[in-house]
């Protein structure tokens, strides 16, 4: 009787696990079917590298938006990665246990805040601050980078902290026994040993940033231009889809699905890279 129940439960769990894979396959096929015809018609090179986006005139170039996505994401990484790694070091090695019990739930709460709330915060505080102190309209690369940097902190901090805590105690004890200070031990021994996990955390954080839509729609300015400074407005791949999908039809809609293909490939590549680095670390 127990074996029958066990077999049935195993089949149920197998079907549930398979459904998630099937959902991914269906989404992938749907996006490809909708977007590939436009890419084939326009040409992959022109679609990716042209900077002219004028669907009403038959121009479908996402080069400026790819550049905008890269710049905003790099800006978020420059701001968020050092802060995230420093926070993870503090949480893993320096914070008292009472403080950890307060900080960890607070960091986890950051991950649960809706992106529109981050966007509204950026709209109310970050954009006016940039407008008053740096000039321009305030809707800019810098505003988007600041908002995204805060949004990727939970991912970077949580994974990096776990990577540091998971190191064998002998690493730390051996370094201290050799006369290293606590900070020298962290910098010279623990961080290099946890490098794979930290790199994976950074890659996943970048994937989170490049795929964000709602928050950056509210603070970027959404102009399809080649920016000349960090206070210029830009449009990313995700914001382009979010803004125009509601009214797009025909080839315009196909172009947005094609944009989704490019975004899908980039995020999949980032996730595969993070998984590869994590598995490599486990094997070692």
C-alpha atoms as a PDB file:
ATOM      1  CA  UNK A   1       0.000   0.000   0.000  1.00  0.00           C
ATOM      2  CA  UNK A   2       2.796   2.380   0.945  1.00  0.00           C
ATOM      3  CA  UNK A   3       4.688   1.603  -2.257  1.00  0.00           C
ATOM      4  CA  UNK A   4       1.583   2.380  -4.346  1.00  0.00           C
ATOM      5  CA  UNK A   5       1.172   5.729  -2.583  1.00  0.00           C
ATOM      6  CA  UNK A   6       4.859   6.415  -3.021  1.00  0.00           C
ATOM      7  CA  UNK A   7       4.727   5.683  -6.754  1.00  0.00           C
ATOM      8  CA  UNK A   8       1.667   7.879  -7.175  1.00  0.00           C
ATOM      9  CA  UNK A   9       3.262  10.755  -5.236  1.00  0.00           C
ATOM     10  CA  UNK A  10       6.421  10.423  -7.301  1.00  0.00           C
ATOM     11  CA  UNK A  11       4.435  10.684 -10.523  1.00  0.00           C
ATOM     12  CA  UNK A  12       2.567  13.734  -9.250  1.00  0.00           C
ATOM     13  CA  UNK A  13       5.780  15.513  -8.323  1.00  0.00           C
ATOM     14  CA  UNK A  14       7.308  14.535 -11.667  1.00  0.00           C
ATOM     15  CA  UNK A  15       4.348  16.039 -13.544  1.00  0.00           C
ATOM     16  CA  UNK A  16       4.557  19.228 -11.482  1.00  0.00           C
ATOM     17  CA  UNK A  17       8.290  19.516 -12.123  1.00  0.00           C
ATOM     18  CA  UNK A  18       7.775  18.831 -15.820  1.00  0.00           C
ATOM     19  CA  UNK A  19       5.091  21.530 -16.022  1.00  0.00           C
ATOM     20  CA  UNK A  20       7.615  24.247 -15.148  1.00  0.00           C
ATOM     21  CA  UNK A  21       9.909  23.072 -17.949  1.00  0.00           C
ATOM     22  CA  UNK A  22       6.987  22.904 -20.378  1.00  0.00           C
ATOM     23  CA  UNK A  23       5.991  26.458 -19.422  1.00  0.00           C
ATOM     24  CA  UNK A  24       9.498  27.652 -20.299  1.00  0.00           C
ATOM     25  CA  UNK A  25       9.395  25.771 -23.611  1.00  0.00           C
ATOM     26  CA  UNK A  26       5.969  27.203 -24.507  1.00  0.00           C
ATOM     27  CA  UNK A  27       7.069  30.764 -23.683  1.00  0.00           C
ATOM     28  CA  UNK A  28      10.271  30.340 -25.687  1.00  0.00           C
ATOM     29  CA  UNK A  29       8.491  28.935 -28.736  1.00  0.00           C
ATOM     30  CA  UNK A  30       5.812  31.638 -28.582  1.00  0.00           C
ATOM     31  CA  UNK A  31       8.364  34.467 -28.453  1.00  0.00           C
ATOM     32  CA  UNK A  32      10.404  32.946 -31.275  1.00  0.00           C
ATOM     33  CA  UNK A  33       7.349  32.463 -33.487  1.00  0.00           C
ATOM     34  CA  UNK A  34       6.298  36.066 -32.963  1.00  0.00           C
ATOM     35  CA  UNK A  35       9.702  37.718 -33.253  1.00  0.00           C
ATOM     36  CA  UNK A  36      11.816  35.730 -35.719  1.00  0.00           C
ATOM     37  CA  UNK A  37       9.852  36.737 -38.862  1.00  0.00           C
ATOM     38  CA  UNK A  38      10.647  40.422 -38.223  1.00  0.00           C
ATOM     39  CA  UNK A  39      14.323  39.674 -37.571  1.00  0.00           C
ATOM     40  CA  UNK A  40      14.473  37.634 -40.786  1.00  0.00           C
ATOM     41  CA  UNK A  41      12.872  40.469 -42.751  1.00  0.00           C
ATOM     42  CA  UNK A  42      14.945  43.332 -41.319  1.00  0.00           C
ATOM     43  CA  UNK A  43      18.175  41.390 -40.840  1.00  0.00           C
ATOM     44  CA  UNK A  44      19.778  40.511 -37.522  1.00  0.00           C
ATOM     45  CA  UNK A  45      22.709  42.908 -37.937  1.00  0.00           C
ATOM     46  CA  UNK A  46      20.525  45.891 -38.805  1.00  0.00           C
ATOM     47  CA  UNK A  47      18.000  45.065 -36.093  1.00  0.00           C
ATOM     48  CA  UNK A  48      20.663  44.928 -33.371  1.00  0.00           C
ATOM     49  CA  UNK A  49      23.054  47.675 -34.470  1.00  0.00           C
ATOM     50  CA  UNK A  50      20.799  50.268 -36.067  1.00  0.00           C
ATOM     51  CA  UNK A  51      19.949  53.148 -33.715  1.00  0.00           C
ATOM     52  CA  UNK A  52      16.802  54.259 -35.528  1.00  0.00           C
ATOM     53  CA  UNK A  53      13.560  53.138 -33.886  1.00  0.00           C
ATOM     54  CA  UNK A  54      10.604  54.482 -35.872  1.00  0.00           C
ATOM     55  CA  UNK A  55       7.986  51.733 -36.265  1.00  0.00           C
ATOM     56  CA  UNK A  56       5.616  54.095 -38.110  1.00  0.00           C
ATOM     57  CA  UNK A  57       8.268  54.529 -40.817  1.00  0.00           C
ATOM     58  CA  UNK A  58       9.324  50.891 -40.935  1.00  0.00           C
ATOM     59  CA  UNK A  59      12.598  51.422 -39.024  1.00  0.00           C
ATOM     60  CA  UNK A  60      13.288  48.803 -36.369  1.00  0.00           C
ATOM     61  CA  UNK A  61      16.726  49.320 -34.848  1.00  0.00           C
ATOM     62  CA  UNK A  62      17.310  48.595 -31.161  1.00  0.00           C
ATOM     63  CA  UNK A  63      20.993  49.587 -30.974  1.00  0.00           C
ATOM     64  CA  UNK A  64      20.326  52.683 -28.872  1.00  0.00           C
ATOM     65  CA  UNK A  65      18.198  50.661 -26.449  1.00  0.00           C
ATOM     66  CA  UNK A  66      20.819  47.923 -26.146  1.00  0.00           C
ATOM     67  CA  UNK A  67      23.363  50.619 -25.322  1.00  0.00           C
ATOM     68  CA  UNK A  68      20.950  52.158 -22.807  1.00  0.00           C
ATOM     69  CA  UNK A  69      20.394  48.776 -21.135  1.00  0.00           C
ATOM     70  CA  UNK A  70      24.138  48.111 -20.916  1.00  0.00           C
ATOM     71  CA  UNK A  71      24.985  51.553 -19.507  1.00  0.00           C
ATOM     72  CA  UNK A  72      22.218  51.562 -16.899  1.00  0.00           C
ATOM     73  CA  UNK A  73      23.042  48.005 -15.830  1.00  0.00           C
ATOM     74  CA  UNK A  74      26.765  48.751 -15.564  1.00  0.00           C
ATOM     75  CA  UNK A  75      25.956  51.866 -13.551  1.00  0.00           C
ATOM     76  CA  UNK A  76      23.836  49.794 -11.178  1.00  0.00           C
ATOM     77  CA  UNK A  77      26.660  47.249 -10.863  1.00  0.00           C
ATOM     78  CA  UNK A  78      29.268  49.941 -10.153  1.00  0.00           C
ATOM     79  CA  UNK A  79      27.100  51.324  -7.349  1.00  0.00           C
ATOM     80  CA  UNK A  80      25.511  48.137  -6.022  1.00  0.00           C
ATOM     81  CA  UNK A  81      28.252  45.499  -6.209  1.00  0.00           C
ATOM     82  CA  UNK A  82      30.771  47.140  -3.807  1.00  0.00           C
ATOM     83  CA  UNK A  83      28.002  47.989  -1.346  1.00  0.00           C
ATOM     84  CA  UNK A  84      26.550  44.470  -1.569  1.00  0.00           C
ATOM     85  CA  UNK A  85      29.895  42.712  -1.069  1.00  0.00           C
ATOM     86  CA  UNK A  86      30.826  44.977   1.847  1.00  0.00           C
ATOM     87  CA  UNK A  87      27.439  44.318   3.459  1.00  0.00           C
ATOM     88  CA  UNK A  88      27.867  40.554   3.001  1.00  0.00           C
ATOM     89  CA  UNK A  89      31.319  40.688   4.629  1.00  0.00           C
ATOM     90  CA  UNK A  90      29.907  42.677   7.545  1.00  0.00           C
ATOM     91  CA  UNK A  91      26.982  40.266   7.960  1.00  0.00           C
ATOM     92  CA  UNK A  92      29.138  37.142   7.761  1.00  0.00           C
ATOM     93  CA  UNK A  93      32.185  38.194   9.783  1.00  0.00           C
ATOM     94  CA  UNK A  94      31.652  41.357  11.818  1.00  0.00           C
ATOM     95  CA  UNK A  95      28.025  41.899  12.818  1.00  0.00           C
ATOM     96  CA  UNK A  96      26.890  40.738  16.277  1.00  0.00           C
ATOM     97  CA  UNK A  97      24.234  38.042  16.269  1.00  0.00           C
ATOM     98  CA  UNK A  98      21.534  40.493  17.451  1.00  0.00           C
ATOM     99  CA  UNK A  99      22.317  42.817  14.576  1.00  0.00           C
ATOM    100  CA  UNK A 100      22.216  39.931  12.078  1.00  0.00           C
ATOM    101  CA  UNK A 101      18.721  39.029  13.253  1.00  0.00           C
ATOM    102  CA  UNK A 102      17.615  42.572  12.383  1.00  0.00           C
ATOM    103  CA  UNK A 103      19.600  43.067   9.173  1.00  0.00           C
ATOM    104  CA  UNK A 104      18.772  39.753   7.453  1.00  0.00           C
ATOM    105  CA  UNK A 105      14.972  40.200   7.524  1.00  0.00           C
ATOM    106  CA  UNK A 106      15.434  43.817   6.413  1.00  0.00           C
ATOM    107  CA  UNK A 107      17.520  42.717   3.418  1.00  0.00           C
ATOM    108  CA  UNK A 108      15.002  40.007   2.564  1.00  0.00           C
ATOM    109  CA  UNK A 109      12.251  42.620   2.777  1.00  0.00           C
ATOM    110  CA  UNK A 110      14.045  44.663   0.105  1.00  0.00           C
ATOM    111  CA  UNK A 111      13.610  41.726  -2.282  1.00  0.00           C
ATOM    112  CA  UNK A 112       9.877  41.606  -1.598  1.00  0.00           C
ATOM    113  CA  UNK A 113       9.107  45.277  -2.253  1.00  0.00           C
ATOM    114  CA  UNK A 114       7.252  45.712  -5.578  1.00  0.00           C
ATOM    115  CA  UNK A 115       9.346  47.326  -8.309  1.00  0.00           C
ATOM    116  CA  UNK A 116       6.755  50.067  -8.798  1.00  0.00           C
ATOM    117  CA  UNK A 117       7.458  51.206  -5.218  1.00  0.00           C
ATOM    118  CA  UNK A 118      11.155  51.525  -6.043  1.00  0.00           C
ATOM    119  CA  UNK A 119      10.203  53.475  -9.151  1.00  0.00           C
ATOM    120  CA  UNK A 120       7.953  55.801  -7.179  1.00  0.00           C
ATOM    121  CA  UNK A 121      10.724  56.372  -4.616  1.00  0.00           C
ATOM    122  CA  UNK A 122      13.132  57.211  -7.426  1.00  0.00           C
ATOM    123  CA  UNK A 123      10.576  59.526  -8.989  1.00  0.00           C
ATOM    124  CA  UNK A 124       9.988  61.418  -5.744  1.00  0.00           C
ATOM    125  CA  UNK A 125      13.540  61.572  -4.335  1.00  0.00           C
ATOM    126  CA  UNK A 126      16.254  60.592  -6.825  1.00  0.00           C
ATOM    127  CA  UNK A 127      14.986  62.435  -9.914  1.00  0.00           C
ATOM    128  CA  UNK A 128      14.462  65.808  -8.127  1.00  0.00           C
ATOM    129  CA  UNK A 129      17.860  65.467  -6.399  1.00  0.00           C
ATOM    130  CA  UNK A 130      19.653  64.965  -9.730  1.00  0.00           C
ATOM    131  CA  UNK A 131      17.674  67.811 -11.326  1.00  0.00           C
ATOM    132  CA  UNK A 132      18.598  70.260  -8.559  1.00  0.00           C
ATOM    133  CA  UNK A 133      22.260  69.315  -8.091  1.00  0.00           C
ATOM    134  CA  UNK A 134      23.467  67.995 -11.457  1.00  0.00           C
ATOM    135  CA  UNK A 135      21.135  69.638 -13.946  1.00  0.00           C
ATOM    136  CA  UNK A 136      18.974  68.254 -16.701  1.00  0.00           C
ATOM    137  CA  UNK A 137      15.478  66.922 -16.262  1.00  0.00           C
ATOM    138  CA  UNK A 138      16.513  64.428 -13.590  1.00  0.00           C
ATOM    139  CA  UNK A 139      15.174  61.522 -15.647  1.00  0.00           C
ATOM    140  CA  UNK A 140      18.476  59.939 -16.506  1.00  0.00           C
ATOM    141  CA  UNK A 141      20.922  57.050 -16.596  1.00  0.00           C
ATOM    142  CA  UNK A 142      22.095  57.978 -13.098  1.00  0.00           C
ATOM    143  CA  UNK A 143      18.574  57.858 -11.663  1.00  0.00           C
ATOM    144  CA  UNK A 144      17.954  54.438 -13.184  1.00  0.00           C
ATOM    145  CA  UNK A 145      21.325  53.135 -11.984  1.00  0.00           C
ATOM    146  CA  UNK A 146      20.696  54.277  -8.405  1.00  0.00           C
ATOM    147  CA  UNK A 147      17.260  52.646  -8.279  1.00  0.00           C
ATOM    148  CA  UNK A 148      18.509  49.400  -9.832  1.00  0.00           C
ATOM    149  CA  UNK A 149      21.540  49.324  -7.533  1.00  0.00           C
ATOM    150  CA  UNK A 150      19.228  49.230  -4.514  1.00  0.00           C
ATOM    151  CA  UNK A 151      17.045  46.574  -6.153  1.00  0.00           C
ATOM    152  CA  UNK A 152      19.946  44.163  -6.779  1.00  0.00           C
ATOM    153  CA  UNK A 153      21.382  44.463  -3.261  1.00  0.00           C
ATOM    154  CA  UNK A 154      19.334  41.588  -1.730  1.00  0.00           C
ATOM    155  CA  UNK A 155      20.541  39.137  -4.385  1.00  0.00           C
ATOM    156  CA  UNK A 156      24.201  40.100  -4.076  1.00  0.00           C
ATOM    157  CA  UNK A 157      24.221  40.311  -0.271  1.00  0.00           C
ATOM    158  CA  UNK A 158      22.363  37.043   0.370  1.00  0.00           C
ATOM    159  CA  UNK A 159      24.353  34.836  -2.018  1.00  0.00           C
ATOM    160  CA  UNK A 160      27.716  36.418  -1.151  1.00  0.00           C
ATOM    161  CA  UNK A 161      27.074  36.044   2.576  1.00  0.00           C
ATOM    162  CA  UNK A 162      26.184  32.370   2.183  1.00  0.00           C
ATOM    163  CA  UNK A 163      29.339  31.823   0.108  1.00  0.00           C
ATOM    164  CA  UNK A 164      31.512  33.343   2.840  1.00  0.00           C
ATOM    165  CA  UNK A 165      29.774  31.513   5.709  1.00  0.00           C
ATOM    166  CA  UNK A 166      30.039  28.175   3.853  1.00  0.00           C
ATOM    167  CA  UNK A 167      33.862  28.304   3.790  1.00  0.00           C
ATOM    168  CA  UNK A 168      35.615  25.765   6.038  1.00  0.00           C
ATOM    169  CA  UNK A 169      36.581  27.224   9.400  1.00  0.00           C
ATOM    170  CA  UNK A 170      40.119  25.947   8.887  1.00  0.00           C
ATOM    171  CA  UNK A 171      40.711  28.711   6.300  1.00  0.00           C
ATOM    172  CA  UNK A 172      40.091  31.430   8.837  1.00  0.00           C
ATOM    173  CA  UNK A 173      41.725  29.636  11.759  1.00  0.00           C
ATOM    174  CA  UNK A 174      44.845  28.845   9.728  1.00  0.00           C
ATOM    175  CA  UNK A 175      45.234  32.435   8.549  1.00  0.00           C
ATOM    176  CA  UNK A 176      44.813  33.803  12.079  1.00  0.00           C
ATOM    177  CA  UNK A 177      47.284  31.234  13.395  1.00  0.00           C
ATOM    178  CA  UNK A 178      49.856  32.509  10.896  1.00  0.00           C
ATOM    179  CA  UNK A 179      49.551  35.992  12.375  1.00  0.00           C
ATOM    180  CA  UNK A 180      47.140  37.656   9.944  1.00  0.00           C
ATOM    181  CA  UNK A 181      44.714  40.245  11.270  1.00  0.00           C
ATOM    182  CA  UNK A 182      40.985  39.727  10.922  1.00  0.00           C
ATOM    183  CA  UNK A 183      40.781  42.073   7.935  1.00  0.00           C
ATOM    184  CA  UNK A 184      43.842  40.493   6.270  1.00  0.00           C
ATOM    185  CA  UNK A 185      42.186  37.100   6.676  1.00  0.00           C
ATOM    186  CA  UNK A 186      38.990  38.333   5.035  1.00  0.00           C
ATOM    187  CA  UNK A 187      40.766  40.104   2.173  1.00  0.00           C
ATOM    188  CA  UNK A 188      43.540  37.611   1.445  1.00  0.00           C
ATOM    189  CA  UNK A 189      41.922  34.263   2.273  1.00  0.00           C
ATOM    190  CA  UNK A 190      38.148  34.279   2.585  1.00  0.00           C
ATOM    191  CA  UNK A 191      37.196  36.535  -0.334  1.00  0.00           C
ATOM    192  CA  UNK A 192      39.421  34.680  -2.848  1.00  0.00           C
ATOM    193  CA  UNK A 193      38.073  31.347  -1.574  1.00  0.00           C
ATOM    194  CA  UNK A 194      34.460  32.561  -1.945  1.00  0.00           C
ATOM    195  CA  UNK A 195      35.137  34.221  -5.307  1.00  0.00           C
ATOM    196  CA  UNK A 196      33.004  31.812  -7.352  1.00  0.00           C
ATOM    197  CA  UNK A 197      29.922  32.370  -5.198  1.00  0.00           C
ATOM    198  CA  UNK A 198      30.419  36.133  -5.167  1.00  0.00           C
ATOM    199  CA  UNK A 199      30.836  36.247  -8.946  1.00  0.00           C
ATOM    200  CA  UNK A 200      27.664  34.178  -9.352  1.00  0.00           C
ATOM    201  CA  UNK A 201      25.852  36.616  -7.045  1.00  0.00           C
ATOM    202  CA  UNK A 202      27.016  39.568  -9.134  1.00  0.00           C
ATOM    203  CA  UNK A 203      25.934  37.897 -12.389  1.00  0.00           C
ATOM    204  CA  UNK A 204      22.480  37.101 -10.984  1.00  0.00           C
ATOM    205  CA  UNK A 205      22.199  40.678  -9.736  1.00  0.00           C
ATOM    206  CA  UNK A 206      23.067  41.995 -13.192  1.00  0.00           C
ATOM    207  CA  UNK A 207      20.442  39.690 -14.682  1.00  0.00           C
ATOM    208  CA  UNK A 208      17.914  41.121 -12.239  1.00  0.00           C
ATOM    209  CA  UNK A 209      18.875  44.652 -13.221  1.00  0.00           C
ATOM    210  CA  UNK A 210      18.810  44.146 -16.985  1.00  0.00           C
ATOM    211  CA  UNK A 211      15.378  42.515 -16.796  1.00  0.00           C
ATOM    212  CA  UNK A 212      13.714  45.216 -14.657  1.00  0.00           C
ATOM    213  CA  UNK A 213      10.935  47.204 -16.334  1.00  0.00           C
ATOM    214  CA  UNK A 214       8.491  49.128 -14.167  1.00  0.00           C
ATOM    215  CA  UNK A 215      10.940  50.937 -11.874  1.00  0.00           C
ATOM    216  CA  UNK A 216      13.172  52.162 -14.702  1.00  0.00           C
ATOM    217  CA  UNK A 217      10.218  53.267 -16.849  1.00  0.00           C
ATOM    218  CA  UNK A 218       9.461  55.823 -14.151  1.00  0.00           C
ATOM    219  CA  UNK A 219      12.946  57.346 -13.840  1.00  0.00           C
ATOM    220  CA  UNK A 220      14.861  56.933 -17.125  1.00  0.00           C
ATOM    221  CA  UNK A 221      13.061  59.454 -19.329  1.00  0.00           C
ATOM    222  CA  UNK A 222      12.659  56.816 -22.084  1.00  0.00           C
ATOM    223  CA  UNK A 223      14.237  58.765 -24.942  1.00  0.00           C
ATOM    224  CA  UNK A 224      15.611  56.670 -27.822  1.00  0.00           C
ATOM    225  CA  UNK A 225      18.957  58.460 -28.127  1.00  0.00           C
ATOM    226  CA  UNK A 226      22.677  57.791 -27.811  1.00  0.00           C
ATOM    227  CA  UNK A 227      23.498  59.330 -24.401  1.00  0.00           C
ATOM    228  CA  UNK A 228      26.444  61.693 -23.968  1.00  0.00           C
ATOM    229  CA  UNK A 229      26.465  61.831 -20.166  1.00  0.00           C
ATOM    230  CA  UNK A 230      25.006  60.033 -17.158  1.00  0.00           C
ATOM    231  CA  UNK A 231      22.335  62.715 -16.726  1.00  0.00           C
ATOM    232  CA  UNK A 232      20.868  62.078 -20.204  1.00  0.00           C
ATOM    233  CA  UNK A 233      17.631  60.107 -20.570  1.00  0.00           C
ATOM    234  CA  UNK A 234      17.716  56.703 -22.268  1.00  0.00           C
ATOM    235  CA  UNK A 235      15.392  53.840 -23.099  1.00  0.00           C
ATOM    236  CA  UNK A 236      16.188  50.217 -22.285  1.00  0.00           C
ATOM    237  CA  UNK A 237      14.969  47.057 -24.014  1.00  0.00           C
ATOM    238  CA  UNK A 238      12.521  46.264 -21.223  1.00  0.00           C
ATOM    239  CA  UNK A 239      11.072  49.758 -21.015  1.00  0.00           C
ATOM    240  CA  UNK A 240      10.584  49.821 -24.780  1.00  0.00           C
ATOM    241  CA  UNK A 241       8.486  46.671 -24.604  1.00  0.00           C
ATOM    242  CA  UNK A 242       6.557  47.891 -21.560  1.00  0.00           C
ATOM    243  CA  UNK A 243       5.756  51.289 -23.078  1.00  0.00           C
ATOM    244  CA  UNK A 244       4.757  50.264 -26.595  1.00  0.00           C
ATOM    245  CA  UNK A 245       3.263  46.775 -26.313  1.00  0.00           C
ATOM    246  CA  UNK A 246      -0.126  48.141 -25.246  1.00  0.00           C
ATOM    247  CA  UNK A 247      -0.823  49.770 -28.602  1.00  0.00           C
ATOM    248  CA  UNK A 248       1.545  47.974 -31.016  1.00  0.00           C
ATOM    249  CA  UNK A 249       0.116  45.991 -33.932  1.00  0.00           C
ATOM    250  CA  UNK A 250       1.453  44.196 -36.984  1.00  0.00           C
ATOM    251  CA  UNK A 251       5.181  44.492 -37.607  1.00  0.00           C
ATOM    252  CA  UNK A 252       5.515  46.915 -34.711  1.00  0.00           C
ATOM    253  CA  UNK A 253       4.329  44.187 -32.362  1.00  0.00           C
ATOM    254  CA  UNK A 254       6.611  41.657 -34.036  1.00  0.00           C
ATOM    255  CA  UNK A 255       9.540  44.039 -33.465  1.00  0.00           C
ATOM    256  CA  UNK A 256       8.733  44.161 -29.753  1.00  0.00           C
ATOM    257  CA  UNK A 257       8.660  40.369 -29.603  1.00  0.00           C
ATOM    258  CA  UNK A 258      11.999  40.353 -31.435  1.00  0.00           C
ATOM    259  CA  UNK A 259      13.302  42.729 -28.778  1.00  0.00           C
ATOM    260  CA  UNK A 260      12.085  40.202 -26.227  1.00  0.00           C
ATOM    261  CA  UNK A 261      14.124  37.482 -27.978  1.00  0.00           C
ATOM    262  CA  UNK A 262      17.310  39.538 -27.616  1.00  0.00           C
ATOM    263  CA  UNK A 263      16.535  40.209 -23.952  1.00  0.00           C
ATOM    264  CA  UNK A 264      15.657  36.548 -23.374  1.00  0.00           C
ATOM    265  CA  UNK A 265      18.966  35.374 -24.861  1.00  0.00           C
ATOM    266  CA  UNK A 266      20.979  37.849 -22.764  1.00  0.00           C
ATOM    267  CA  UNK A 267      19.295  36.871 -19.483  1.00  0.00           C
ATOM    268  CA  UNK A 268      19.539  33.148 -20.261  1.00  0.00           C
ATOM    269  CA  UNK A 269      23.255  33.573 -20.990  1.00  0.00           C
ATOM    270  CA  UNK A 270      23.761  35.355 -17.656  1.00  0.00           C
ATOM    271  CA  UNK A 271      21.856  32.678 -15.731  1.00  0.00           C
ATOM    272  CA  UNK A 272      23.727  29.826 -17.445  1.00  0.00           C
ATOM    273  CA  UNK A 273      27.029  31.542 -16.639  1.00  0.00           C
ATOM    274  CA  UNK A 274      26.037  31.900 -12.978  1.00  0.00           C
ATOM    275  CA  UNK A 275      24.958  28.244 -12.814  1.00  0.00           C
ATOM    276  CA  UNK A 276      28.228  27.131 -14.419  1.00  0.00           C
ATOM    277  CA  UNK A 277      30.318  29.123 -11.953  1.00  0.00           C
ATOM    278  CA  UNK A 278      28.300  27.790  -8.999  1.00  0.00           C
ATOM    279  CA  UNK A 279      28.611  24.158 -10.125  1.00  0.00           C
ATOM    280  CA  UNK A 280      32.323  24.599 -10.785  1.00  0.00           C
ATOM    281  CA  UNK A 281      32.721  25.820  -7.214  1.00  0.00           C
ATOM    282  CA  UNK A 282      30.792  22.811  -5.838  1.00  0.00           C
ATOM    283  CA  UNK A 283      32.979  20.377  -7.807  1.00  0.00           C
ATOM    284  CA  UNK A 284      36.130  22.016  -6.470  1.00  0.00           C
END
